[in-house]
N, C-alpha and C. Protein backbone atom coordinates (compact mmCIF):
# COMPACT_ATOMS: atom_id res chain seq x y z
N MET A 1 -20.57 -5.14 30.40
CA MET A 1 -19.24 -5.34 31.15
C MET A 1 -18.72 -3.93 31.12
N GLU A 2 -18.09 -3.31 32.00
CA GLU A 2 -17.31 -1.90 31.98
C GLU A 2 -15.68 -2.24 32.03
N VAL A 3 -15.12 -1.57 31.02
CA VAL A 3 -13.67 -1.61 30.93
C VAL A 3 -13.16 -0.66 30.69
N THR A 4 -12.01 -0.46 31.03
CA THR A 4 -11.07 0.81 30.54
C THR A 4 -9.82 0.49 29.69
N LEU A 5 -9.82 1.08 28.20
CA LEU A 5 -9.03 0.61 27.24
C LEU A 5 -8.15 1.86 27.29
N THR A 6 -6.83 1.66 26.70
CA THR A 6 -5.91 2.90 26.42
C THR A 6 -5.76 2.85 24.83
N ILE A 7 -6.30 3.63 24.05
CA ILE A 7 -6.67 3.69 22.68
C ILE A 7 -5.66 5.07 22.43
N ASN A 8 -4.81 4.93 21.47
CA ASN A 8 -4.06 6.14 21.24
C ASN A 8 -3.61 6.99 22.21
N ASP A 9 -3.14 6.43 23.35
CA ASP A 9 -2.53 6.89 24.36
C ASP A 9 -3.54 7.50 25.39
N LYS A 10 -5.01 7.46 25.19
CA LYS A 10 -5.89 8.02 25.96
C LYS A 10 -6.70 6.85 26.60
N LYS A 11 -7.07 7.00 27.80
CA LYS A 11 -7.92 6.19 28.65
C LYS A 11 -9.40 6.45 28.15
N THR A 12 -9.85 5.28 28.14
CA THR A 12 -11.38 5.57 27.66
C THR A 12 -12.23 4.47 28.66
N ASN A 13 -13.17 4.73 29.32
CA ASN A 13 -14.25 3.77 29.80
C ASN A 13 -15.40 3.81 29.30
N ILE A 14 -15.65 2.19 28.79
CA ILE A 14 -16.59 2.05 28.05
C ILE A 14 -17.39 0.77 28.69
N ASP A 15 -18.64 0.49 28.11
CA ASP A 15 -19.42 -0.54 28.42
C ASP A 15 -19.50 -1.19 27.24
N ILE A 16 -19.21 -2.73 27.34
CA ILE A 16 -19.11 -3.68 25.97
C ILE A 16 -19.70 -4.91 26.43
N ALA A 17 -20.28 -5.61 25.49
CA ALA A 17 -20.61 -6.88 25.59
C ALA A 17 -19.73 -7.86 25.77
N GLN A 18 -19.78 -8.81 26.58
CA GLN A 18 -18.79 -9.80 27.00
C GLN A 18 -18.00 -10.39 25.67
N ASP A 19 -18.74 -10.83 24.59
CA ASP A 19 -18.26 -11.16 23.49
C ASP A 19 -17.93 -10.33 22.39
N GLU A 20 -17.93 -8.86 22.76
CA GLU A 20 -17.58 -7.82 21.63
C GLU A 20 -16.20 -8.07 21.13
N ALA A 21 -15.96 -7.96 19.85
CA ALA A 21 -14.88 -7.85 19.06
C ALA A 21 -14.13 -6.41 19.20
N LEU A 22 -12.81 -6.25 19.53
CA LEU A 22 -12.21 -5.14 19.56
C LEU A 22 -12.58 -4.03 18.32
N LEU A 23 -12.66 -4.60 17.11
CA LEU A 23 -13.08 -3.97 15.84
C LEU A 23 -14.51 -3.35 16.36
N THR A 24 -15.50 -3.84 16.70
CA THR A 24 -16.75 -3.35 17.07
C THR A 24 -16.48 -2.16 17.98
N THR A 25 -15.94 -2.42 18.97
CA THR A 25 -15.53 -1.37 20.01
C THR A 25 -15.02 -0.29 19.55
N LEU A 26 -13.97 -0.23 18.82
CA LEU A 26 -13.07 0.72 18.05
C LEU A 26 -13.98 1.47 17.08
N ARG A 27 -15.04 0.84 16.30
CA ARG A 27 -15.78 1.52 15.56
C ARG A 27 -16.76 2.09 16.32
N ASN A 28 -17.36 1.67 17.33
CA ASN A 28 -18.29 2.49 18.15
C ASN A 28 -17.83 3.48 18.79
N LEU A 29 -16.56 3.57 18.95
CA LEU A 29 -15.95 4.88 19.54
C LEU A 29 -15.50 5.89 18.65
N GLY A 30 -15.69 5.54 17.29
CA GLY A 30 -15.41 6.55 16.24
C GLY A 30 -14.13 6.35 15.53
N TYR A 31 -13.64 5.28 15.64
CA TYR A 31 -12.20 4.84 14.95
C TYR A 31 -12.41 4.41 13.76
N TYR A 32 -12.82 5.17 12.81
CA TYR A 32 -13.45 4.60 11.65
C TYR A 32 -12.11 3.98 10.53
N SER A 33 -10.93 4.25 11.01
CA SER A 33 -9.69 3.78 10.12
C SER A 33 -9.78 2.26 10.23
N VAL A 34 -10.40 1.77 11.33
CA VAL A 34 -10.46 0.47 11.55
C VAL A 34 -12.04 -0.19 10.90
N ARG A 35 -11.69 -0.89 9.55
CA ARG A 35 -12.60 -1.31 8.72
C ARG A 35 -13.03 -2.74 8.75
N CYS A 36 -14.15 -3.26 8.40
CA CYS A 36 -14.52 -4.65 8.40
C CYS A 36 -14.53 -4.97 7.04
N GLY A 37 -13.94 -6.08 6.42
CA GLY A 37 -13.96 -6.38 4.95
C GLY A 37 -14.44 -7.89 4.97
N CYS A 38 -14.21 -8.73 5.84
CA CYS A 38 -14.40 -10.06 5.63
C CYS A 38 -15.07 -10.81 7.10
N GLU A 39 -14.85 -10.53 8.14
CA GLU A 39 -15.10 -10.82 9.21
C GLU A 39 -14.84 -12.53 9.63
N THR A 40 -13.47 -12.79 8.70
CA THR A 40 -13.09 -14.07 8.86
C THR A 40 -11.38 -13.98 9.07
N THR A 41 -10.89 -13.03 9.22
CA THR A 41 -9.52 -12.74 9.46
C THR A 41 -8.72 -12.92 8.17
N ASN A 42 -9.36 -12.65 7.02
CA ASN A 42 -8.75 -12.80 5.70
C ASN A 42 -8.20 -11.83 5.12
N CYS A 43 -8.83 -10.44 5.61
CA CYS A 43 -8.47 -9.24 4.56
C CYS A 43 -7.42 -8.29 5.37
N GLY A 44 -7.31 -8.19 6.69
CA GLY A 44 -6.55 -7.19 7.21
C GLY A 44 -6.85 -5.72 7.36
N LEU A 45 -8.15 -5.55 7.08
CA LEU A 45 -8.74 -4.15 7.07
C LEU A 45 -8.84 -3.77 8.37
N CYS A 46 -8.97 -4.83 9.38
CA CYS A 46 -9.16 -4.17 10.66
C CYS A 46 -7.77 -4.42 11.61
N THR A 47 -6.82 -4.25 10.85
CA THR A 47 -5.30 -4.30 11.54
C THR A 47 -5.23 -3.04 12.34
N VAL A 48 -4.81 -3.24 13.68
CA VAL A 48 -4.39 -2.22 14.76
C VAL A 48 -3.27 -3.00 15.37
N TRP A 49 -2.80 -1.97 16.16
CA TRP A 49 -1.36 -2.47 17.10
C TRP A 49 -2.11 -2.52 18.55
N LEU A 50 -1.62 -3.85 18.86
CA LEU A 50 -1.53 -3.95 20.46
C LEU A 50 -0.29 -3.94 21.22
N ASP A 51 -0.03 -2.98 22.05
CA ASP A 51 1.33 -2.97 22.44
C ASP A 51 2.77 -2.85 21.35
N GLY A 52 2.04 -2.22 20.32
CA GLY A 52 2.86 -1.88 19.01
C GLY A 52 3.11 -3.17 18.08
N LYS A 53 2.27 -4.09 18.28
CA LYS A 53 2.17 -5.54 17.23
C LYS A 53 0.83 -5.59 16.56
N THR A 54 1.03 -5.91 15.34
CA THR A 54 -0.14 -5.92 14.43
C THR A 54 -1.04 -6.95 15.00
N ILE A 55 -2.35 -6.85 15.11
CA ILE A 55 -3.29 -7.95 15.35
C ILE A 55 -4.40 -7.59 14.56
N LEU A 56 -5.37 -8.50 14.23
CA LEU A 56 -6.63 -8.22 13.62
C LEU A 56 -7.75 -8.14 14.71
N SER A 57 -8.19 -7.01 14.82
CA SER A 57 -9.18 -6.62 15.68
C SER A 57 -10.49 -7.29 15.66
N CYS A 58 -10.97 -7.82 14.30
CA CYS A 58 -12.17 -8.52 14.21
C CYS A 58 -12.38 -9.89 14.75
N ALA A 59 -11.05 -10.37 15.31
CA ALA A 59 -11.10 -11.41 15.89
C ALA A 59 -10.26 -11.43 17.29
N TYR A 60 -10.38 -10.31 17.99
CA TYR A 60 -9.60 -10.17 19.18
C TYR A 60 -10.88 -9.63 20.18
N PRO A 61 -11.12 -10.37 21.02
CA PRO A 61 -12.20 -9.96 22.31
C PRO A 61 -11.66 -8.54 22.70
N THR A 62 -12.43 -7.68 23.08
CA THR A 62 -12.38 -6.47 23.69
C THR A 62 -11.69 -6.70 24.94
N PHE A 63 -12.30 -7.36 25.74
CA PHE A 63 -11.82 -7.52 27.15
C PHE A 63 -10.32 -8.06 27.41
N ARG A 64 -10.01 -8.69 26.25
CA ARG A 64 -8.55 -9.18 26.44
C ARG A 64 -7.59 -7.79 26.13
N ALA A 65 -7.99 -6.78 25.80
CA ALA A 65 -7.14 -5.42 25.46
C ALA A 65 -6.91 -4.79 26.66
N VAL A 66 -7.51 -4.95 27.81
CA VAL A 66 -7.55 -4.42 28.89
C VAL A 66 -6.35 -4.30 29.57
N GLY A 67 -5.49 -3.33 29.77
CA GLY A 67 -4.24 -3.17 30.28
C GLY A 67 -3.11 -3.25 29.15
N HIS A 68 -3.67 -3.22 28.15
CA HIS A 68 -2.85 -3.27 26.90
C HIS A 68 -2.80 -1.84 26.14
N SER A 69 -1.89 -1.34 25.25
CA SER A 69 -2.13 -0.25 24.51
C SER A 69 -2.44 -0.44 23.04
N ILE A 70 -3.71 0.16 22.79
CA ILE A 70 -4.15 -0.09 21.44
C ILE A 70 -3.72 0.90 20.56
N THR A 71 -3.35 1.01 19.44
CA THR A 71 -2.91 2.20 18.41
C THR A 71 -3.92 1.79 17.15
N THR A 72 -4.43 2.81 16.74
CA THR A 72 -5.23 2.92 15.48
C THR A 72 -4.38 3.88 14.33
N LEU A 73 -4.94 4.04 13.34
CA LEU A 73 -4.32 4.92 12.38
C LEU A 73 -4.41 6.38 12.74
N GLU A 74 -5.58 6.70 13.35
CA GLU A 74 -5.76 8.04 13.78
C GLU A 74 -4.78 8.52 14.90
N GLY A 75 -4.02 7.55 15.60
CA GLY A 75 -3.14 7.81 16.57
C GLY A 75 -1.73 8.09 15.89
N LEU A 76 -1.73 7.71 14.56
CA LEU A 76 -0.46 8.07 13.77
C LEU A 76 -0.80 8.93 12.91
N ALA A 77 -1.54 9.89 12.92
CA ALA A 77 -2.01 10.54 11.89
C ALA A 77 -0.85 11.29 11.12
N ASP A 78 0.37 12.02 11.55
CA ASP A 78 1.36 12.66 10.54
C ASP A 78 2.12 11.64 10.01
N GLU A 79 2.45 10.45 10.34
CA GLU A 79 3.30 9.48 9.94
C GLU A 79 2.37 8.78 8.75
N ALA A 80 1.09 8.70 9.09
CA ALA A 80 0.07 7.96 8.30
C ALA A 80 -0.06 9.19 6.98
N ALA A 81 -0.04 10.32 7.19
CA ALA A 81 -0.43 11.26 5.94
C ALA A 81 1.10 11.07 5.11
N TYR A 82 2.16 10.86 5.65
CA TYR A 82 3.34 10.75 4.69
C TYR A 82 3.12 9.56 3.90
N LEU A 83 2.89 8.41 4.79
CA LEU A 83 2.83 7.11 3.95
C LEU A 83 1.71 7.25 2.90
N GLY A 84 0.68 7.77 3.23
CA GLY A 84 -0.30 8.03 2.23
C GLY A 84 0.09 8.63 0.88
N GLU A 85 0.80 9.93 1.01
CA GLU A 85 1.46 10.51 0.21
C GLU A 85 2.42 9.60 -0.75
N CYS A 86 3.10 8.70 -0.14
CA CYS A 86 4.09 7.81 -0.76
C CYS A 86 3.15 6.72 -1.60
N LEU A 87 2.26 6.35 -1.09
CA LEU A 87 1.30 5.41 -1.61
C LEU A 87 0.73 5.88 -3.07
N ALA A 88 -0.02 7.04 -2.77
CA ALA A 88 -0.69 7.70 -3.80
C ALA A 88 0.20 7.96 -4.76
N SER A 89 1.58 8.47 -4.49
CA SER A 89 2.67 9.06 -5.45
C SER A 89 3.00 7.79 -6.50
N GLU A 90 2.60 6.52 -5.89
CA GLU A 90 2.85 5.17 -7.19
C GLU A 90 1.77 4.84 -7.24
N GLY A 91 0.63 5.40 -7.15
CA GLY A 91 -0.77 4.97 -7.76
C GLY A 91 -1.18 3.78 -6.82
N ALA A 92 -1.09 3.68 -5.78
CA ALA A 92 -1.72 2.56 -4.85
C ALA A 92 -2.86 2.91 -4.04
N ASP A 93 -3.54 3.95 -4.58
CA ASP A 93 -4.67 4.40 -3.81
C ASP A 93 -5.97 4.21 -4.74
N GLN A 94 -6.22 3.23 -5.44
CA GLN A 94 -7.14 2.99 -6.41
C GLN A 94 -8.48 3.22 -5.58
N CYS A 95 -9.14 2.31 -4.76
CA CYS A 95 -10.36 2.44 -4.13
C CYS A 95 -10.03 3.03 -2.59
N GLY A 96 -8.88 2.62 -2.22
CA GLY A 96 -8.43 2.89 -0.91
C GLY A 96 -9.05 2.24 0.37
N TYR A 97 -9.85 1.17 0.16
CA TYR A 97 -10.59 0.49 1.16
C TYR A 97 -9.48 -0.36 2.06
N CYS A 98 -8.44 -0.97 1.23
CA CYS A 98 -7.49 -1.68 1.95
C CYS A 98 -6.60 -1.03 2.58
N THR A 99 -6.20 0.33 2.34
CA THR A 99 -5.19 1.31 2.59
C THR A 99 -5.09 1.34 4.07
N THR A 100 -5.92 1.46 4.97
CA THR A 100 -5.61 1.71 6.33
C THR A 100 -4.87 0.28 7.14
N GLY A 101 -5.63 -0.63 6.81
CA GLY A 101 -4.56 -1.88 7.23
C GLY A 101 -3.17 -2.16 6.67
N MET A 102 -3.07 -1.92 5.27
CA MET A 102 -1.82 -1.94 4.94
C MET A 102 -0.93 -0.94 5.49
N MET A 103 -1.47 0.23 5.73
CA MET A 103 -0.37 1.38 6.24
C MET A 103 -0.29 1.17 8.01
N MET A 104 -1.05 0.34 8.65
CA MET A 104 -0.63 -0.03 9.92
C MET A 104 0.32 -1.29 9.80
N SER A 105 0.22 -2.11 8.72
CA SER A 105 1.30 -3.25 8.93
C SER A 105 2.72 -2.62 8.35
N ALA A 106 2.51 -1.55 7.19
CA ALA A 106 4.07 -1.08 6.92
C ALA A 106 4.49 -0.15 7.86
N MET A 107 3.92 0.31 8.79
CA MET A 107 4.47 1.61 9.73
C MET A 107 4.80 0.42 10.95
N ALA A 108 4.18 -0.68 11.17
CA ALA A 108 4.78 -1.77 12.15
C ALA A 108 6.06 -2.26 11.65
N LEU A 109 6.28 -2.54 10.36
CA LEU A 109 7.41 -2.94 9.78
C LEU A 109 8.43 -2.05 9.86
N LYS A 110 8.26 -0.81 9.86
CA LYS A 110 9.27 0.03 9.83
C LYS A 110 9.94 0.14 11.32
N ARG A 111 9.05 -0.03 12.23
CA ARG A 111 9.57 -0.07 13.75
C ARG A 111 10.24 -1.45 13.99
N GLU A 112 9.82 -2.20 13.24
CA GLU A 112 10.68 -3.71 13.80
C GLU A 112 11.76 -4.13 12.98
N LYS A 113 12.00 -3.53 11.90
CA LYS A 113 13.19 -3.98 11.12
C LYS A 113 13.64 -2.65 10.38
N GLU A 114 15.02 -2.73 10.76
CA GLU A 114 15.82 -1.58 10.43
C GLU A 114 16.06 -1.37 8.74
N HIS A 115 16.30 -2.27 8.04
CA HIS A 115 16.52 -2.27 6.65
C HIS A 115 15.81 -3.41 5.92
N PRO A 116 14.30 -3.06 6.05
CA PRO A 116 13.51 -4.42 5.43
C PRO A 116 13.81 -4.68 3.89
N THR A 117 13.74 -5.99 3.47
CA THR A 117 13.90 -6.27 2.23
C THR A 117 12.19 -6.42 1.71
N ASP A 118 12.26 -6.47 0.25
CA ASP A 118 10.95 -6.78 -0.17
C ASP A 118 10.27 -7.86 0.18
N GLU A 119 11.03 -8.90 0.86
CA GLU A 119 10.47 -10.34 1.25
C GLU A 119 10.19 -9.85 2.65
N ASP A 120 10.58 -8.98 3.32
CA ASP A 120 9.97 -8.41 4.65
C ASP A 120 8.64 -7.70 4.44
N ILE A 121 8.52 -6.79 3.53
CA ILE A 121 7.65 -6.00 3.07
C ILE A 121 6.37 -6.92 2.90
N LYS A 122 6.52 -7.95 1.97
CA LYS A 122 5.51 -9.02 1.62
C LYS A 122 5.03 -9.79 2.65
N ALA A 123 5.96 -10.28 3.54
CA ALA A 123 5.66 -10.85 4.70
C ALA A 123 4.55 -10.09 5.69
N PHE A 124 4.79 -8.78 5.88
CA PHE A 124 4.11 -7.97 6.68
C PHE A 124 2.80 -7.64 5.94
N LEU A 125 2.67 -7.69 4.74
CA LEU A 125 1.51 -7.58 4.08
C LEU A 125 0.79 -8.77 3.83
N LYS A 126 1.17 -9.89 4.07
CA LYS A 126 0.65 -10.99 3.82
C LYS A 126 -0.95 -11.26 4.14
N GLY A 127 -1.43 -10.70 5.18
CA GLY A 127 -2.80 -10.58 5.47
C GLY A 127 -3.75 -9.68 4.90
N ASN A 128 -3.26 -8.70 4.19
CA ASN A 128 -3.96 -7.51 3.66
C ASN A 128 -4.19 -7.92 2.27
N LEU A 129 -5.54 -8.01 2.06
CA LEU A 129 -6.17 -8.22 0.74
C LEU A 129 -6.53 -6.99 0.03
N CYS A 130 -6.20 -6.79 -1.36
CA CYS A 130 -6.44 -5.57 -2.14
C CYS A 130 -7.12 -6.21 -3.20
N ARG A 131 -8.34 -5.81 -3.74
CA ARG A 131 -8.75 -6.42 -4.74
C ARG A 131 -8.72 -5.44 -6.10
N CYS A 132 -8.08 -4.57 -5.80
CA CYS A 132 -7.96 -3.44 -7.01
C CYS A 132 -6.50 -3.43 -7.83
N THR A 133 -5.46 -3.81 -7.11
CA THR A 133 -4.14 -3.78 -7.66
C THR A 133 -3.66 -5.26 -7.57
N GLY A 134 -2.33 -4.84 -8.31
CA GLY A 134 -1.49 -6.32 -8.32
C GLY A 134 -0.26 -6.19 -7.26
N TYR A 135 -0.60 -5.24 -6.25
CA TYR A 135 0.33 -5.08 -5.21
C TYR A 135 1.68 -4.44 -5.53
N GLU A 136 2.08 -4.29 -6.61
CA GLU A 136 3.38 -3.55 -7.16
C GLU A 136 3.41 -2.23 -6.73
N SER A 137 2.23 -1.38 -7.02
CA SER A 137 2.33 -0.21 -6.57
C SER A 137 2.23 0.26 -5.17
N GLN A 138 1.76 -0.58 -4.17
CA GLN A 138 1.72 -0.71 -2.74
C GLN A 138 3.20 -0.92 -2.56
N LEU A 139 4.01 -1.85 -3.21
CA LEU A 139 5.21 -2.25 -2.69
C LEU A 139 6.25 -0.90 -3.22
N ARG A 140 5.95 -0.18 -4.19
CA ARG A 140 6.85 1.00 -4.48
C ARG A 140 6.61 2.04 -3.54
N GLY A 141 5.13 2.20 -3.07
CA GLY A 141 4.78 3.33 -2.18
C GLY A 141 5.60 3.05 -0.80
N ILE A 142 5.47 1.71 -0.51
CA ILE A 142 5.90 1.34 0.95
C ILE A 142 7.61 1.53 1.02
N ARG A 143 8.16 0.90 -0.09
CA ARG A 143 9.61 1.24 -0.28
C ARG A 143 10.09 2.61 0.05
N LYS A 144 9.08 3.56 -0.86
CA LYS A 144 9.62 5.00 -0.58
C LYS A 144 9.34 5.58 0.82
N TYR A 145 8.54 5.12 1.39
CA TYR A 145 8.14 5.63 2.69
C TYR A 145 9.20 5.07 3.53
N LEU A 146 9.54 3.59 3.62
CA LEU A 146 10.72 3.00 4.28
C LEU A 146 12.16 3.80 3.97
N ARG A 147 12.24 4.33 2.94
CA ARG A 147 13.34 5.13 2.79
C ARG A 147 13.51 6.44 3.25
N GLY A 148 12.14 6.96 3.38
CA GLY A 148 12.09 8.40 3.81
C GLY A 148 12.32 9.44 2.64
N ASP A 149 11.96 9.06 1.28
CA ASP A 149 11.96 9.85 0.12
C ASP A 149 11.22 10.86 0.32
N GLU A 150 11.40 12.13 -0.35
CA GLU A 150 10.45 12.92 -0.66
C GLU A 150 9.32 12.53 -1.67
N VAL A 151 8.08 13.19 -1.51
CA VAL A 151 7.19 12.84 -2.24
C VAL A 151 6.80 14.03 -3.13
């Protein structure tokens, strides 16, 4: 089935399987920030934005994304670089596997809440699994990012 997707503000024509997950489509197109960690919607590694809202691309059929705007971390490179520096400065970059999903969630939070609380941060990160840390370093890094602190 041929579809046209808008990914990071660029239109792309692609042939997909009818039951293909958006995660698979994005990986096949070279968007490697979108990762697979569980295939059960429990880890958050596959987080992308659909029309500016976070979704888990492993559970979202590609054909449903037609006519919508998909954003991956590659489409937010400058902002992601700053957030990555904030996270690294707080020791939140141990293995880094969960980082891309957390970054997508944190950047969505910044757009949705003007002055997010720690509870807001935790709510946005709820679906992001990290096996290396106790999440405190991520909280510190995300707070720094949300405040716009120098790194």
